[in-house]
Amino acid sequence: MSLNQIERAQGLRIRSTQDFAGGLFMILLAAGAYVFTWDLPAGTLRQLGPGMLPKAFAAICAVLGLLLVLASLRYNGEKLSGWSWRGVFFALGGACLFALTIRGFELGPIRVPALGLLVSGPLLIFFSGLAAEDRKLKELLIFAVAMSVGCILLFKYALSLPIPLAPWLLGI
């Protein structure tokens, strides 16, 4: 019996559950992105609309996810292992913390003032860095400050983006 006959006899089976799950996640992510940008006009290739880029990225993500799913059926790979809930908590928590503190928010009696990139940047990097198990707090703090300085120089000054720097201190 040849290798092709053996593969056909086995039928379609998932050989790499990690790639299969990753591909399905990419397809789900693409579907969500497409749904959330549904009402944005795509425009034409001559005059791009606000929905062109997110819809194009969603389509590319879906195609790559489909390719990953198909590859998981053909090639042997890693088995899906357990989740690192610590990583999920700190990575997503850092992003949420940044979103809530960069411009501030009010939710009933809870009020967080706009802290700007000067505070929110290091807070995001430090909090997200806590996801690593081999972290050293001193190195993480130095990295958070250095990356924040780089982000401030890049986004605020080099690209002139309207990101608040320190509204509580400088008014900008």
Protein backbone atom coordinates (compact mmCIF):
# COMPACT_ATOMS: atom_id res chain seq x y z
CA MET A 1 0.00 0.00 0.00
CA SER A 2 1.45 3.37 -1.00
CA LEU A 3 1.53 6.51 1.15
CA ASN A 4 -1.23 8.17 -0.90
CA GLN A 5 -3.50 5.15 -0.49
CA ILE A 6 -2.91 5.15 3.27
CA GLU A 7 -3.73 8.86 3.48
CA ARG A 8 -6.92 8.36 1.45
CA ALA A 9 -7.93 5.41 3.61
CA GLN A 10 -7.52 7.49 6.78
CA GLY A 11 -9.85 10.17 5.41
CA LEU A 12 -9.81 13.75 6.55
CA ARG A 13 -8.44 14.02 10.02
CA ILE A 14 -6.88 16.90 11.85
CA ARG A 15 -3.14 16.36 12.06
CA SER A 16 -2.33 19.64 13.80
CA THR A 17 -4.98 20.73 16.27
CA GLN A 18 -3.04 23.90 17.09
CA ASP A 19 -3.01 25.03 13.44
CA PHE A 20 -6.66 24.01 13.06
CA ALA A 21 -7.74 26.06 16.08
CA GLY A 22 -5.57 28.99 14.98
CA GLY A 23 -7.09 28.92 11.50
CA LEU A 24 -10.64 28.82 12.87
CA PHE A 25 -9.82 31.72 15.18
CA MET A 26 -8.48 33.77 12.25
CA ILE A 27 -11.64 33.05 10.24
CA LEU A 28 -13.81 34.05 13.22
CA LEU A 29 -11.75 37.21 13.71
CA ALA A 30 -12.12 38.08 10.02
CA ALA A 31 -15.88 37.51 10.15
CA GLY A 32 -16.15 39.79 13.18
CA ALA A 33 -14.07 42.50 11.51
CA TYR A 34 -16.19 42.30 8.38
CA VAL A 35 -19.44 42.51 10.37
CA PHE A 36 -18.23 45.52 12.35
CA THR A 37 -17.16 47.35 9.18
CA TRP A 38 -20.25 46.36 7.18
CA ASP A 39 -21.72 49.86 7.05
CA LEU A 40 -18.46 51.56 6.06
CA PRO A 41 -18.27 52.28 2.33
CA ALA A 42 -15.33 50.57 0.66
CA GLY A 43 -15.12 53.01 -2.20
CA THR A 44 -13.14 52.12 -5.31
CA LEU A 45 -9.49 51.50 -6.02
CA ARG A 46 -9.24 55.06 -7.37
CA GLN A 47 -10.93 56.61 -4.36
CA LEU A 48 -10.61 54.46 -1.25
CA GLY A 49 -13.36 54.62 1.32
CA PRO A 50 -12.99 54.19 5.08
CA GLY A 51 -14.07 50.56 4.87
CA MET A 52 -11.59 49.44 2.21
CA LEU A 53 -8.61 48.70 4.46
CA PRO A 54 -10.46 46.90 7.28
CA LYS A 55 -12.46 44.82 4.80
CA ALA A 56 -9.33 43.96 2.81
CA PHE A 57 -7.51 42.92 5.98
CA ALA A 58 -10.54 40.86 7.02
CA ALA A 59 -10.55 39.07 3.66
CA ILE A 60 -6.79 38.42 3.82
CA CYS A 61 -7.11 37.15 7.40
CA ALA A 62 -9.95 34.80 6.37
CA VAL A 63 -7.98 33.40 3.42
CA LEU A 64 -4.89 32.84 5.58
CA GLY A 65 -7.06 31.20 8.24
CA LEU A 66 -8.57 28.89 5.62
CA LEU A 67 -5.09 27.99 4.37
CA LEU A 68 -4.04 27.22 7.95
CA VAL A 69 -7.07 24.98 8.45
CA LEU A 70 -6.32 23.13 5.21
CA ALA A 71 -2.66 22.75 6.18
CA SER A 72 -3.71 21.29 9.52
CA LEU A 73 -5.48 18.50 7.64
CA ARG A 74 -2.44 17.67 5.51
CA TYR A 75 0.66 18.21 7.66
CA ASN A 76 1.49 16.88 11.11
CA GLY A 77 1.98 19.57 13.71
CA GLU A 78 1.57 20.55 17.32
CA LYS A 79 -1.34 19.47 19.46
CA LEU A 80 -3.45 22.19 21.00
CA SER A 81 -2.17 22.80 24.49
CA GLY A 82 -3.80 24.54 27.43
CA TRP A 83 -4.33 28.26 27.61
CA SER A 84 -2.14 30.56 29.58
CA TRP A 85 -4.85 32.51 31.38
CA ARG A 86 -2.19 34.67 32.97
CA GLY A 87 -1.05 35.86 29.54
CA VAL A 88 -4.60 36.48 28.36
CA PHE A 89 -5.46 38.44 31.51
CA PHE A 90 -2.39 40.69 31.48
CA ALA A 91 -2.22 41.23 27.70
CA LEU A 92 -5.91 42.05 27.25
CA GLY A 93 -6.03 43.80 30.60
CA GLY A 94 -3.14 46.03 29.59
CA ALA A 95 -4.89 47.00 26.36
CA CYS A 96 -8.12 47.75 28.24
CA LEU A 97 -6.24 49.72 30.88
CA PHE A 98 -4.58 51.79 28.17
CA ALA A 99 -7.90 52.46 26.41
CA LEU A 100 -9.55 53.54 29.65
CA THR A 101 -6.74 55.82 30.84
CA ILE A 102 -5.42 57.50 27.67
CA ARG A 103 -8.46 59.78 27.31
CA GLY A 104 -10.25 59.05 30.58
CA PHE A 105 -13.82 57.89 31.12
CA GLU A 106 -16.86 58.19 33.33
CA LEU A 107 -19.09 55.28 34.25
CA GLY A 108 -21.65 56.25 36.85
CA PRO A 109 -19.79 57.24 40.01
CA ILE A 110 -16.45 56.00 38.62
CA ARG A 111 -14.40 58.74 36.97
CA VAL A 112 -10.90 58.32 35.62
CA PRO A 113 -9.29 61.50 34.29
CA ALA A 114 -7.45 61.59 30.98
CA LEU A 115 -3.90 60.55 31.85
CA GLY A 116 -2.38 60.82 28.38
CA LEU A 117 0.42 58.85 26.79
CA LEU A 118 2.92 59.92 29.43
CA VAL A 119 1.17 57.75 32.04
CA SER A 120 -0.89 55.32 29.94
CA GLY A 121 2.06 54.16 27.83
CA PRO A 122 4.27 52.91 30.67
CA LEU A 123 1.17 51.55 32.45
CA LEU A 124 0.24 49.47 29.40
CA ILE A 125 3.75 48.11 28.84
CA PHE A 126 4.37 47.37 32.51
CA PHE A 127 0.98 45.68 33.07
CA SER A 128 1.25 43.63 29.87
CA GLY A 129 4.82 42.66 30.77
CA LEU A 130 3.53 40.98 33.92
CA ALA A 131 2.25 38.19 31.66
CA ALA A 132 5.78 36.83 31.23
CA GLU A 133 6.80 34.32 33.83
CA ASP A 134 10.53 35.13 33.61
CA ARG A 135 10.15 38.88 34.03
CA LYS A 136 12.32 41.03 36.24
CA LEU A 137 10.45 44.05 37.57
CA LYS A 138 13.43 46.43 37.32
CA GLU A 139 14.06 45.49 33.67
CA LEU A 140 10.34 45.70 32.91
CA LEU A 141 10.13 49.19 34.40
CA ILE A 142 13.14 50.40 32.39
CA PHE A 143 11.69 48.84 29.23
CA ALA A 144 8.27 50.45 29.84
CA VAL A 145 9.80 53.92 30.25
CA ALA A 146 12.12 53.54 27.24
CA MET A 147 9.34 52.24 24.95
CA SER A 148 7.01 55.00 26.10
CA VAL A 149 9.59 57.66 25.30
CA GLY A 150 9.99 56.08 21.85
CA CYS A 151 6.21 56.03 21.33
CA ILE A 152 5.88 59.66 22.40
CA LEU A 153 8.64 60.75 20.04
CA LEU A 154 7.20 58.71 17.17
CA PHE A 155 3.47 59.28 17.50
CA LYS A 156 3.29 62.74 19.05
CA TYR A 157 6.23 64.48 17.40
CA ALA A 158 7.38 62.57 14.29
CA LEU A 159 3.88 61.67 13.03
CA SER A 160 2.08 64.61 14.68
CA LEU A 161 -0.87 62.46 15.75
CA PRO A 162 -3.42 64.09 18.05
CA ILE A 163 -2.64 61.83 21.00
CA PRO A 164 -2.91 63.52 24.40
CA LEU A 165 0.49 63.59 26.05
CA ALA A 166 -0.24 64.74 29.60
CA PRO A 167 -3.48 66.74 29.80
CA TRP A 168 -3.38 66.71 33.59
CA LEU A 169 0.07 68.30 33.64
CA LEU A 170 0.72 70.17 30.41
CA GLY A 171 -2.77 70.63 29.08
CA ILE A 172 -1.83 68.81 25.84
